[in-house]
Amino acid sequence: MTAAGELECALRARRSVRRFKDTPVPAELVSRVIEAGTWAPSAGNRQLWEFTVVIAESVKERLAEIVRVFWASIAKSTDAGSIVDEIKEYSGSFDWFSQAPVIVAVSARDPDAYLTHLLGDEAADVAGAKTSAAMAAQNLMLAAHALGLGTCCLTGPLAAQPDLKQALGLGKRQNLVCLIAMGYPAETPAAQPRRPLREVMRIVG
């Protein structure tokens, strides 16, 4: 099989894994996965990403508790019963990550002050740090898959970003892009259907 064929197979075979074995992930393997992330393209080659690796059970549970408390407060402050039920069901899928052997918090740095002054809300899009970190996260997850590990990318917990940042010891200008749960998979999820190209691809001109 050609390198291109192998890559296409890996892209199609990767799954979002939510159940993991208790087997610890060797530190060397974690480092290889993170290093793969650093080979992603980045805006201006500035590489303004950070990968915070969480292994300690106490820290993982602290992060999950922060997420639970935040979403519980949202549900409590909402009057409509049907919405509360939806929030509870929705938020229930955001705190399970503490059961994964490893959590990788992917973050990116805020744009420089001069760019924010010039461009306002568009500064972050132009600086590209978040986009770069997201591409690094994809690299990371593909590398994990190639090494026999499962991953799942979560953004729902980021609703509690300020408290998560504090718990993770992130700098003031560093903002979370996603949390990635990682470990040896205890399940083999089926492939989810993909929208056909005719619905997602546009050709202009």
N, C-alpha and C. Protein backbone atom coordinates (compact mmCIF):
# COMPACT_ATOMS: atom_id res chain seq x y z
N MET A 1 0.84 -1.20 0.00
CA MET A 1 0.00 0.00 0.00
C MET A 1 0.88 1.25 0.00
N THR A 2 0.51 2.26 -0.75
CA THR A 2 1.28 3.49 -0.80
C THR A 2 1.11 4.28 0.48
N ALA A 3 2.01 5.24 0.69
CA ALA A 3 1.91 6.11 1.87
C ALA A 3 0.58 6.86 1.88
N ALA A 4 0.16 7.30 0.69
CA ALA A 4 -1.12 8.01 0.60
C ALA A 4 -2.27 7.09 0.98
N GLY A 5 -2.21 5.83 0.54
CA GLY A 5 -3.25 4.87 0.87
C GLY A 5 -3.29 4.59 2.37
N GLU A 6 -2.12 4.46 2.97
CA GLU A 6 -2.04 4.21 4.41
C GLU A 6 -2.63 5.38 5.20
N LEU A 7 -2.33 6.59 4.73
CA LEU A 7 -2.87 7.77 5.41
C LEU A 7 -4.39 7.79 5.31
N GLU A 8 -4.93 7.51 4.13
CA GLU A 8 -6.37 7.50 3.96
C GLU A 8 -7.02 6.44 4.85
N CYS A 9 -6.38 5.29 4.96
CA CYS A 9 -6.91 4.23 5.83
C CYS A 9 -6.93 4.69 7.29
N ALA A 10 -5.86 5.35 7.71
CA ALA A 10 -5.79 5.84 9.09
C ALA A 10 -6.87 6.87 9.35
N LEU A 11 -7.09 7.76 8.39
CA LEU A 11 -8.11 8.79 8.54
C LEU A 11 -9.49 8.17 8.70
N ARG A 12 -9.74 7.12 7.94
CA ARG A 12 -11.06 6.48 7.98
C ARG A 12 -11.23 5.54 9.17
N ALA A 13 -10.12 5.02 9.70
CA ALA A 13 -10.20 4.04 10.78
C ALA A 13 -10.22 4.68 12.18
N ARG A 14 -9.74 5.90 12.28
CA ARG A 14 -9.71 6.56 13.59
C ARG A 14 -11.13 6.73 14.13
N ARG A 15 -11.29 6.49 15.44
CA ARG A 15 -12.61 6.63 16.07
C ARG A 15 -12.49 7.49 17.33
N SER A 16 -13.61 8.05 17.75
CA SER A 16 -13.67 8.72 19.05
C SER A 16 -13.98 7.66 20.10
N VAL A 17 -13.03 7.44 20.99
CA VAL A 17 -13.13 6.38 22.00
C VAL A 17 -13.46 6.99 23.35
N ARG A 18 -14.47 6.43 24.02
CA ARG A 18 -14.90 6.96 25.32
C ARG A 18 -14.77 5.95 26.45
N ARG A 19 -14.34 4.76 26.13
CA ARG A 19 -14.10 3.74 27.16
C ARG A 19 -12.68 3.21 26.99
N PHE A 20 -11.96 3.22 28.11
CA PHE A 20 -10.54 2.86 28.05
C PHE A 20 -10.21 1.75 29.04
N LYS A 21 -9.17 1.00 28.72
CA LYS A 21 -8.63 0.02 29.66
C LYS A 21 -7.90 0.76 30.79
N ASP A 22 -7.71 0.06 31.90
CA ASP A 22 -6.99 0.66 33.03
C ASP A 22 -5.48 0.71 32.80
N THR A 23 -5.02 0.10 31.73
CA THR A 23 -3.59 0.03 31.45
C THR A 23 -2.97 1.42 31.32
N PRO A 24 -1.93 1.73 32.10
CA PRO A 24 -1.28 3.04 31.97
C PRO A 24 -0.62 3.18 30.60
N VAL A 25 -0.56 4.39 30.12
CA VAL A 25 0.11 4.68 28.85
C VAL A 25 1.55 5.07 29.16
N PRO A 26 2.53 4.36 28.62
CA PRO A 26 3.93 4.70 28.91
C PRO A 26 4.25 6.15 28.56
N ALA A 27 5.10 6.77 29.38
CA ALA A 27 5.47 8.17 29.17
C ALA A 27 6.10 8.38 27.79
N GLU A 28 6.87 7.40 27.32
CA GLU A 28 7.52 7.52 26.01
C GLU A 28 6.48 7.62 24.91
N LEU A 29 5.40 6.86 25.05
CA LEU A 29 4.34 6.88 24.04
C LEU A 29 3.61 8.22 24.05
N VAL A 30 3.36 8.73 25.25
CA VAL A 30 2.72 10.04 25.36
C VAL A 30 3.57 11.11 24.68
N SER A 31 4.86 11.05 24.92
CA SER A 31 5.77 12.03 24.31
C SER A 31 5.76 11.92 22.79
N ARG A 32 5.72 10.71 22.26
CA ARG A 32 5.69 10.53 20.80
C ARG A 32 4.42 11.13 20.21
N VAL A 33 3.32 10.94 20.90
CA VAL A 33 2.05 11.48 20.43
C VAL A 33 2.07 13.02 20.44
N ILE A 34 2.58 13.59 21.53
CA ILE A 34 2.66 15.05 21.62
C ILE A 34 3.60 15.60 20.56
N GLU A 35 4.71 14.92 20.35
CA GLU A 35 5.66 15.40 19.34
C GLU A 35 5.02 15.39 17.96
N ALA A 36 4.19 14.39 17.67
CA ALA A 36 3.48 14.36 16.40
C ALA A 36 2.60 15.60 16.27
N GLY A 37 2.02 16.02 17.38
CA GLY A 37 1.21 17.23 17.36
C GLY A 37 2.01 18.45 16.96
N THR A 38 3.25 18.50 17.41
CA THR A 38 4.08 19.67 17.13
C THR A 38 4.52 19.77 15.68
N TRP A 39 4.30 18.70 14.89
CA TRP A 39 4.65 18.75 13.47
C TRP A 39 3.50 19.25 12.62
N ALA A 40 2.43 19.68 13.24
CA ALA A 40 1.33 20.28 12.48
C ALA A 40 1.75 21.65 11.95
N PRO A 41 1.13 22.11 10.88
CA PRO A 41 1.41 23.47 10.42
C PRO A 41 0.90 24.48 11.44
N SER A 42 1.54 25.62 11.50
CA SER A 42 1.07 26.68 12.40
C SER A 42 1.22 28.03 11.72
N ALA A 43 0.35 28.94 12.07
CA ALA A 43 0.35 30.27 11.46
C ALA A 43 1.69 30.95 11.71
N GLY A 44 2.34 31.37 10.61
CA GLY A 44 3.63 32.04 10.74
C GLY A 44 4.70 31.18 11.38
N ASN A 45 4.46 29.87 11.46
CA ASN A 45 5.36 28.93 12.14
C ASN A 45 5.67 29.39 13.57
N ARG A 46 4.71 30.06 14.20
CA ARG A 46 4.94 30.55 15.56
C ARG A 46 4.74 29.47 16.62
N GLN A 47 3.98 28.42 16.28
CA GLN A 47 3.80 27.28 17.18
C GLN A 47 3.37 27.72 18.58
N LEU A 48 2.32 28.54 18.61
CA LEU A 48 1.85 29.10 19.88
C LEU A 48 0.86 28.17 20.59
N TRP A 49 1.24 26.91 20.63
CA TRP A 49 0.40 25.91 21.28
C TRP A 49 1.10 25.38 22.53
N GLU A 50 0.30 24.76 23.37
CA GLU A 50 0.82 24.11 24.57
C GLU A 50 0.01 22.85 24.79
N PHE A 51 0.67 21.80 25.30
CA PHE A 51 0.01 20.53 25.55
C PHE A 51 0.24 20.17 27.02
N THR A 52 -0.80 20.30 27.82
CA THR A 52 -0.69 20.00 29.25
C THR A 52 -1.19 18.58 29.48
N VAL A 53 -0.28 17.72 29.91
CA VAL A 53 -0.61 16.30 30.09
C VAL A 53 -1.00 16.04 31.54
N VAL A 54 -2.18 15.47 31.72
CA VAL A 54 -2.70 15.20 33.07
C VAL A 54 -2.82 13.69 33.25
N ILE A 55 -2.12 13.18 34.25
CA ILE A 55 -2.16 11.75 34.56
C ILE A 55 -2.68 11.49 35.98
N ALA A 56 -2.40 12.41 36.90
CA ALA A 56 -2.79 12.23 38.30
C ALA A 56 -4.31 12.14 38.44
N GLU A 57 -4.78 11.11 39.14
CA GLU A 57 -6.22 10.91 39.32
C GLU A 57 -6.87 12.10 40.01
N SER A 58 -6.18 12.67 40.99
CA SER A 58 -6.76 13.79 41.73
C SER A 58 -7.00 15.00 40.84
N VAL A 59 -6.07 15.24 39.92
CA VAL A 59 -6.23 16.39 39.02
C VAL A 59 -7.33 16.12 38.00
N LYS A 60 -7.37 14.90 37.47
CA LYS A 60 -8.42 14.55 36.51
C LYS A 60 -9.80 14.71 37.14
N GLU A 61 -9.94 14.24 38.38
CA GLU A 61 -11.23 14.34 39.05
C GLU A 61 -11.57 15.80 39.36
N ARG A 62 -10.55 16.58 39.69
CA ARG A 62 -10.78 18.01 39.93
C ARG A 62 -11.32 18.69 38.68
N LEU A 63 -10.75 18.38 37.53
CA LEU A 63 -11.21 18.96 36.28
C LEU A 63 -12.66 18.55 35.99
N ALA A 64 -12.97 17.27 36.20
CA ALA A 64 -14.33 16.79 35.96
C ALA A 64 -15.32 17.46 36.91
N GLU A 65 -14.91 17.65 38.15
CA GLU A 65 -15.80 18.29 39.13
C GLU A 65 -16.08 19.74 38.74
N ILE A 66 -15.07 20.43 38.23
CA ILE A 66 -15.27 21.81 37.77
C ILE A 66 -16.34 21.84 36.68
N VAL A 67 -16.26 20.89 35.76
CA VAL A 67 -17.23 20.84 34.66
C VAL A 67 -18.62 20.51 35.18
N ARG A 68 -18.71 19.54 36.10
CA ARG A 68 -20.01 19.17 36.66
C ARG A 68 -20.66 20.34 37.37
N VAL A 69 -19.90 21.03 38.18
CA VAL A 69 -20.43 22.16 38.95
C VAL A 69 -20.90 23.27 38.03
N PHE A 70 -20.11 23.54 36.98
CA PHE A 70 -20.50 24.61 36.06
C PHE A 70 -21.83 24.29 35.39
N TRP A 71 -21.94 23.10 34.80
CA TRP A 71 -23.16 22.77 34.08
C TRP A 71 -24.35 22.62 35.01
N ALA A 72 -24.11 22.19 36.25
CA ALA A 72 -25.21 22.12 37.23
C ALA A 72 -25.72 23.53 37.53
N SER A 73 -24.82 24.49 37.59
CA SER A 73 -25.23 25.88 37.85
C SER A 73 -26.03 26.44 36.69
N ILE A 74 -25.66 26.05 35.46
CA ILE A 74 -26.42 26.47 34.29
C ILE A 74 -27.84 25.91 34.35
N ALA A 75 -27.95 24.62 34.66
CA ALA A 75 -29.27 23.99 34.75
C ALA A 75 -30.11 24.62 35.85
N LYS A 76 -29.48 24.96 36.97
CA LYS A 76 -30.19 25.54 38.11
C LYS A 76 -30.72 26.93 37.79
N SER A 77 -29.99 27.66 36.96
CA SER A 77 -30.38 29.03 36.65
C SER A 77 -31.39 29.12 35.51
N THR A 78 -31.74 27.97 34.93
CA THR A 78 -32.69 27.93 33.82
C THR A 78 -34.06 27.54 34.32
N ASP A 79 -35.08 28.32 33.96
CA ASP A 79 -36.43 28.09 34.46
C ASP A 79 -37.19 27.01 33.70
N ALA A 80 -37.02 26.97 32.39
CA ALA A 80 -37.81 26.06 31.57
C ALA A 80 -37.42 24.61 31.83
N GLY A 81 -38.40 23.80 32.25
CA GLY A 81 -38.13 22.42 32.62
C GLY A 81 -37.56 21.58 31.50
N SER A 82 -38.11 21.73 30.30
CA SER A 82 -37.64 20.92 29.18
C SER A 82 -36.19 21.24 28.83
N ILE A 83 -35.83 22.52 28.94
CA ILE A 83 -34.45 22.92 28.65
C ILE A 83 -33.51 22.36 29.70
N VAL A 84 -33.95 22.38 30.97
CA VAL A 84 -33.14 21.84 32.06
C VAL A 84 -32.82 20.37 31.79
N ASP A 85 -33.83 19.61 31.37
CA ASP A 85 -33.62 18.19 31.09
C ASP A 85 -32.61 18.01 29.96
N GLU A 86 -32.72 18.84 28.93
CA GLU A 86 -31.78 18.76 27.81
C GLU A 86 -30.37 19.11 28.25
N ILE A 87 -30.25 20.14 29.09
CA ILE A 87 -28.93 20.55 29.59
C ILE A 87 -28.31 19.42 30.40
N LYS A 88 -29.11 18.80 31.26
CA LYS A 88 -28.59 17.71 32.10
C LYS A 88 -28.12 16.54 31.24
N GLU A 89 -28.91 16.22 30.22
CA GLU A 89 -28.52 15.12 29.34
C GLU A 89 -27.27 15.49 28.53
N TYR A 90 -27.25 16.72 28.05
CA TYR A 90 -26.13 17.21 27.24
C TYR A 90 -24.85 17.26 28.06
N SER A 91 -24.94 17.83 29.27
CA SER A 91 -23.75 18.02 30.09
C SER A 91 -23.23 16.71 30.67
N GLY A 92 -24.07 15.69 30.71
CA GLY A 92 -23.63 14.40 31.24
C GLY A 92 -22.54 13.75 30.42
N SER A 93 -22.35 14.23 29.19
CA SER A 93 -21.31 13.65 28.33
C SER A 93 -20.00 14.42 28.42
N PHE A 94 -19.90 15.34 29.37
CA PHE A 94 -18.73 16.21 29.42
C PHE A 94 -17.76 15.91 30.55
N ASP A 95 -18.13 15.08 31.52
CA ASP A 95 -17.24 14.88 32.67
C ASP A 95 -16.66 13.48 32.76
N TRP A 96 -16.97 12.63 31.79
CA TRP A 96 -16.47 11.25 31.84
C TRP A 96 -14.97 11.17 31.57
N PHE A 97 -14.40 12.24 31.03
CA PHE A 97 -12.99 12.21 30.61
C PHE A 97 -12.04 11.88 31.75
N SER A 98 -12.48 12.09 32.98
CA SER A 98 -11.61 11.80 34.12
C SER A 98 -11.28 10.31 34.23
N GLN A 99 -12.05 9.46 33.54
CA GLN A 99 -11.81 8.02 33.57
C GLN A 99 -10.71 7.58 32.60
N ALA A 100 -10.30 8.47 31.72
CA ALA A 100 -9.24 8.13 30.77
C ALA A 100 -7.89 8.13 31.48
N PRO A 101 -6.97 7.25 31.11
CA PRO A 101 -5.65 7.23 31.74
C PRO A 101 -4.88 8.54 31.57
N VAL A 102 -5.08 9.20 30.43
CA VAL A 102 -4.35 10.44 30.14
C VAL A 102 -5.32 11.48 29.59
N ILE A 103 -5.15 12.71 30.02
CA ILE A 103 -5.88 13.83 29.43
C ILE A 103 -4.84 14.81 28.91
N VAL A 104 -5.00 15.22 27.67
CA VAL A 104 -4.12 16.24 27.09
C VAL A 104 -4.96 17.49 26.87
N ALA A 105 -4.60 18.55 27.57
CA ALA A 105 -5.28 19.84 27.40
C ALA A 105 -4.50 20.64 26.37
N VAL A 106 -5.13 20.87 25.22
CA VAL A 106 -4.48 21.60 24.14
C VAL A 106 -4.89 23.07 24.25
N SER A 107 -3.90 23.96 24.29
CA SER A 107 -4.21 25.38 24.43
C SER A 107 -3.41 26.20 23.44
N ALA A 108 -3.86 27.44 23.23
CA ALA A 108 -3.21 28.34 22.28
C ALA A 108 -3.15 29.74 22.89
N ARG A 109 -2.16 30.50 22.48
CA ARG A 109 -1.96 31.83 23.07
C ARG A 109 -2.83 32.88 22.38
N ASP A 110 -3.30 33.83 23.17
CA ASP A 110 -4.06 34.96 22.63
C ASP A 110 -3.21 35.75 21.64
N PRO A 111 -3.86 36.43 20.69
CA PRO A 111 -3.10 37.28 19.77
C PRO A 111 -2.44 38.44 20.50
N ASP A 112 -1.38 38.97 19.91
CA ASP A 112 -0.70 40.12 20.51
C ASP A 112 -1.62 41.32 20.60
N ALA A 113 -1.34 42.17 21.56
CA ALA A 113 -2.21 43.32 21.83
C ALA A 113 -2.34 44.24 20.61
N TYR A 114 -1.26 44.42 19.87
CA TYR A 114 -1.33 45.33 18.72
C TYR A 114 -2.29 44.80 17.67
N LEU A 115 -2.33 43.47 17.50
CA LEU A 115 -3.22 42.88 16.52
C LEU A 115 -4.68 43.02 16.96
N THR A 116 -4.90 42.83 18.25
CA THR A 116 -6.25 43.00 18.80
C THR A 116 -6.70 44.44 18.63
N HIS A 117 -5.78 45.38 18.85
CA HIS A 117 -6.10 46.80 18.69
C HIS A 117 -6.47 47.10 17.23
N LEU A 118 -5.75 46.50 16.30
CA LEU A 118 -5.99 46.77 14.88
C LEU A 118 -7.25 46.08 14.35
N LEU A 119 -7.49 44.84 14.79
CA LEU A 119 -8.51 44.01 14.15
C LEU A 119 -9.70 43.66 15.04
N GLY A 120 -9.60 43.93 16.33
CA GLY A 120 -10.71 43.63 17.23
C GLY A 120 -11.01 42.14 17.29
N ASP A 121 -12.29 41.80 17.09
CA ASP A 121 -12.73 40.41 17.24
C ASP A 121 -12.08 39.46 16.23
N GLU A 122 -11.61 40.00 15.11
CA GLU A 122 -11.02 39.15 14.08
C GLU A 122 -9.55 38.82 14.35
N ALA A 123 -8.99 39.43 15.38
CA ALA A 123 -7.55 39.25 15.65
C ALA A 123 -7.19 37.78 15.86
N ALA A 124 -7.99 37.07 16.62
CA ALA A 124 -7.67 35.66 16.89
C ALA A 124 -7.71 34.82 15.62
N ASP A 125 -8.68 35.12 14.74
CA ASP A 125 -8.76 34.37 13.48
C ASP A 125 -7.52 34.63 12.62
N VAL A 126 -7.09 35.88 12.57
CA VAL A 126 -5.94 36.23 11.74
C VAL A 126 -4.65 35.66 12.34
N ALA A 127 -4.49 35.76 13.66
CA ALA A 127 -3.28 35.25 14.32
C ALA A 127 -3.16 33.74 14.12
N GLY A 128 -4.29 33.04 14.14
CA GLY A 128 -4.31 31.63 13.78
C GLY A 128 -3.82 30.66 14.84
N ALA A 129 -3.58 31.12 16.07
CA ALA A 129 -3.05 30.20 17.09
C ALA A 129 -4.04 29.09 17.41
N LYS A 130 -5.33 29.42 17.52
CA LYS A 130 -6.32 28.39 17.83
C LYS A 130 -6.46 27.39 16.68
N THR A 131 -6.47 27.91 15.47
CA THR A 131 -6.54 27.03 14.32
C THR A 131 -5.33 26.11 14.27
N SER A 132 -4.17 26.67 14.54
CA SER A 132 -2.94 25.87 14.55
C SER A 132 -3.00 24.78 15.61
N ALA A 133 -3.48 25.14 16.81
CA ALA A 133 -3.58 24.17 17.90
C ALA A 133 -4.58 23.07 17.57
N ALA A 134 -5.66 23.42 16.86
CA ALA A 134 -6.63 22.41 16.45
C ALA A 134 -6.01 21.44 15.46
N MET A 135 -5.19 21.95 14.54
CA MET A 135 -4.49 21.06 13.61
C MET A 135 -3.50 20.17 14.35
N ALA A 136 -2.86 20.71 15.36
CA ALA A 136 -1.95 19.91 16.18
C ALA A 136 -2.70 18.80 16.90
N ALA A 137 -3.90 19.13 17.37
CA ALA A 137 -4.73 18.12 18.05
C ALA A 137 -5.07 16.98 17.11
N GLN A 138 -5.37 17.31 15.86
CA GLN A 138 -5.67 16.27 14.87
C GLN A 138 -4.44 15.39 14.63
N ASN A 139 -3.28 16.02 14.47
CA ASN A 139 -2.04 15.24 14.34
C ASN A 139 -1.87 14.29 15.50
N LEU A 140 -2.07 14.83 16.69
CA LEU A 140 -1.90 14.06 17.92
C LEU A 140 -2.81 12.84 17.93
N MET A 141 -4.08 13.05 17.57
CA MET A 141 -5.04 11.95 17.62
C MET A 141 -4.74 10.89 16.56
N LEU A 142 -4.30 11.32 15.39
CA LEU A 142 -3.94 10.36 14.35
C LEU A 142 -2.70 9.55 14.76
N ALA A 143 -1.73 10.23 15.38
CA ALA A 143 -0.54 9.52 15.85
C ALA A 143 -0.91 8.51 16.94
N ALA A 144 -1.80 8.92 17.84
CA ALA A 144 -2.25 8.01 18.90
C ALA A 144 -2.90 6.77 18.29
N HIS A 145 -3.73 6.98 17.29
CA HIS A 145 -4.39 5.85 16.62
C HIS A 145 -3.36 4.91 16.01
N ALA A 146 -2.35 5.48 15.35
CA ALA A 146 -1.32 4.67 14.72
C ALA A 146 -0.53 3.86 15.73
N LEU A 147 -0.46 4.36 16.97
CA LEU A 147 0.30 3.69 18.03
C LEU A 147 -0.57 2.78 18.90
N GLY A 148 -1.82 2.55 18.45
CA GLY A 148 -2.69 1.64 19.18
C GLY A 148 -3.46 2.26 20.31
N LEU A 149 -3.49 3.58 20.38
CA LEU A 149 -4.22 4.28 21.43
C LEU A 149 -5.53 4.83 20.89
N GLY A 150 -6.48 5.03 21.78
CA GLY A 150 -7.74 5.66 21.42
C GLY A 150 -7.80 7.06 21.99
N THR A 151 -8.52 7.93 21.33
CA THR A 151 -8.67 9.31 21.81
C THR A 151 -10.10 9.79 21.59
N CYS A 152 -10.44 10.83 22.31
CA CYS A 152 -11.69 11.53 22.08
C CYS A 152 -11.46 13.01 22.38
N CYS A 153 -11.85 13.85 21.44
CA CYS A 153 -11.67 15.30 21.57
C CYS A 153 -12.94 15.90 22.17
N LEU A 154 -12.79 16.68 23.23
CA LEU A 154 -13.93 17.30 23.90
C LEU A 154 -13.80 18.81 23.91
N THR A 155 -14.91 19.48 23.61
CA THR A 155 -14.96 20.94 23.73
C THR A 155 -16.05 21.39 24.70
N GLY A 156 -16.99 20.53 25.01
CA GLY A 156 -18.05 20.88 25.96
C GLY A 156 -17.53 21.36 27.32
N PRO A 157 -16.48 20.72 27.87
CA PRO A 157 -15.96 21.18 29.16
C PRO A 157 -15.44 22.62 29.13
N LEU A 158 -15.14 23.15 27.94
CA LEU A 158 -14.53 24.48 27.87
C LEU A 158 -15.49 25.59 28.27
N ALA A 159 -16.76 25.25 28.47
CA ALA A 159 -17.69 26.24 29.02
C ALA A 159 -17.20 26.73 30.39
N ALA A 160 -16.45 25.87 31.08
CA ALA A 160 -15.89 26.22 32.39
C ALA A 160 -14.43 26.62 32.27
N GLN A 161 -14.07 27.23 31.15
CA GLN A 161 -12.67 27.52 30.85
C GLN A 161 -11.90 28.26 31.95
N PRO A 162 -12.42 29.34 32.53
CA PRO A 162 -11.63 30.07 33.54
C PRO A 162 -11.15 29.17 34.69
N ASP A 163 -12.06 28.36 35.22
CA ASP A 163 -11.69 27.49 36.34
C ASP A 163 -10.78 26.34 35.89
N LEU A 164 -11.01 25.84 34.68
CA LEU A 164 -10.13 24.79 34.16
C LEU A 164 -8.72 25.33 33.96
N LYS A 165 -8.62 26.54 33.42
CA LYS A 165 -7.30 27.15 33.22
C LYS A 165 -6.55 27.26 34.55
N GLN A 166 -7.27 27.69 35.57
CA GLN A 166 -6.63 27.84 36.88
C GLN A 166 -6.16 26.49 37.42
N ALA A 167 -7.01 25.48 37.30
CA ALA A 167 -6.65 24.14 37.79
C ALA A 167 -5.47 23.56 37.04
N LEU A 168 -5.34 23.92 35.76
CA LEU A 168 -4.25 23.40 34.94
C LEU A 168 -3.00 24.26 35.02
N GLY A 169 -3.11 25.41 35.66
CA GLY A 169 -1.95 26.29 35.79
C GLY A 169 -1.56 26.97 34.49
N LEU A 170 -2.53 27.21 33.61
CA LEU A 170 -2.23 27.86 32.34
C LEU A 170 -2.01 29.36 32.54
N GLY A 171 -1.16 29.93 31.70
CA GLY A 171 -0.91 31.35 31.76
C GLY A 171 -2.13 32.16 31.34
N LYS A 172 -2.13 33.43 31.69
CA LYS A 172 -3.27 34.30 31.43
C LYS A 172 -3.62 34.36 29.95
N ARG A 173 -2.61 34.36 29.09
CA ARG A 173 -2.84 34.49 27.64
C ARG A 173 -3.07 33.16 26.94
N GLN A 174 -2.97 32.07 27.69
CA GLN A 174 -3.13 30.75 27.10
C GLN A 174 -4.58 30.30 27.28
N ASN A 175 -5.26 29.95 26.20
CA ASN A 175 -6.66 29.53 26.28
C ASN A 175 -6.84 28.12 25.73
N LEU A 176 -7.69 27.37 26.39
CA LEU A 176 -7.94 25.99 25.99
C LEU A 176 -8.63 25.92 24.63
N VAL A 177 -8.20 24.98 23.82
CA VAL A 177 -8.81 24.72 22.52
C VAL A 177 -9.64 23.43 22.60
N CYS A 178 -9.15 22.45 23.35
CA CYS A 178 -9.89 21.21 23.55
C CYS A 178 -9.20 20.39 24.63
N LEU A 179 -9.92 19.42 25.15
CA LEU A 179 -9.35 18.37 25.99
C LEU A 179 -9.38 17.08 25.18
N ILE A 180 -8.31 16.32 25.26
CA ILE A 180 -8.25 15.04 24.56
C ILE A 180 -8.07 13.92 25.57
N ALA A 181 -9.08 13.05 25.67
CA ALA A 181 -8.97 11.87 26.52
C ALA A 181 -8.21 10.80 25.73
N MET A 182 -7.29 10.12 26.38
CA MET A 182 -6.43 9.18 25.66
C MET A 182 -6.10 7.96 26.50
N GLY A 183 -6.04 6.82 25.86
CA GLY A 183 -5.66 5.58 26.54
C GLY A 183 -5.83 4.40 25.59
N TYR A 184 -5.58 3.21 26.12
CA TYR A 184 -5.81 2.01 25.31
C TYR A 184 -7.31 1.75 25.24
N PRO A 185 -7.87 1.65 24.04
CA PRO A 185 -9.33 1.55 23.90
C PRO A 185 -9.90 0.26 24.48
N ALA A 186 -11.06 0.40 25.14
CA ALA A 186 -11.80 -0.76 25.65
C ALA A 186 -13.06 -0.95 24.83
N GLU A 187 -13.12 -0.32 23.68
CA GLU A 187 -14.26 -0.46 22.78
C GLU A 187 -13.78 -0.21 21.35
N THR A 188 -14.56 -0.67 20.41
CA THR A 188 -14.27 -0.43 19.00
C THR A 188 -15.53 0.17 18.38
N PRO A 189 -15.67 1.47 18.47
CA PRO A 189 -16.89 2.11 17.96
C PRO A 189 -17.04 1.92 16.45
N ALA A 190 -18.28 1.82 16.02
CA ALA A 190 -18.55 1.73 14.59
C ALA A 190 -18.33 3.11 13.95
N ALA A 191 -18.06 3.09 12.67
CA ALA A 191 -17.89 4.36 11.95
C ALA A 191 -19.20 5.11 11.91
N GLN A 192 -19.14 6.41 12.17
CA GLN A 192 -20.32 7.24 12.08
C GLN A 192 -20.51 7.70 10.62
N PRO A 193 -21.75 7.81 10.18
CA PRO A 193 -21.97 8.23 8.78
C PRO A 193 -21.45 9.63 8.53
N ARG A 194 -20.98 9.87 7.35
CA ARG A 194 -20.48 11.18 6.95
C ARG A 194 -21.43 11.79 5.93
N ARG A 195 -21.60 13.10 6.04
CA ARG A 195 -22.44 13.80 5.06
C ARG A 195 -21.80 13.69 3.68
N PRO A 196 -22.58 13.48 2.66
CA PRO A 196 -22.01 13.36 1.31
C PRO A 196 -21.36 14.65 0.85
N LEU A 197 -20.41 14.52 -0.05
CA LEU A 197 -19.67 15.68 -0.54
C LEU A 197 -20.58 16.74 -1.14
N ARG A 198 -21.66 16.31 -1.77
CA ARG A 198 -22.55 17.29 -2.42
C ARG A 198 -23.17 18.26 -1.40
N GLU A 199 -23.19 17.86 -0.11
CA GLU A 199 -23.75 18.72 0.91
C GLU A 199 -22.72 19.62 1.57
N VAL A 200 -21.45 19.26 1.46
CA VAL A 200 -20.44 20.00 2.22
C VAL A 200 -19.40 20.68 1.33
N MET A 201 -19.34 20.33 0.06
CA MET A 201 -18.31 20.90 -0.81
C MET A 201 -18.95 21.88 -1.79
N ARG A 202 -18.36 23.07 -1.89
CA ARG A 202 -18.81 24.07 -2.84
C ARG A 202 -17.66 24.44 -3.76
N ILE A 203 -17.96 24.61 -5.01
CA ILE A 203 -16.97 25.07 -5.99
C ILE A 203 -17.43 26.43 -6.51
N VAL A 204 -16.59 27.42 -6.34
CA VAL A 204 -16.93 28.78 -6.76
C VAL A 204 -16.05 29.14 -7.94
N GLY A 205 -16.66 29.64 -9.03
CA GLY A 205 -15.90 30.07 -10.19
C GLY A 205 -15.77 28.97 -11.22
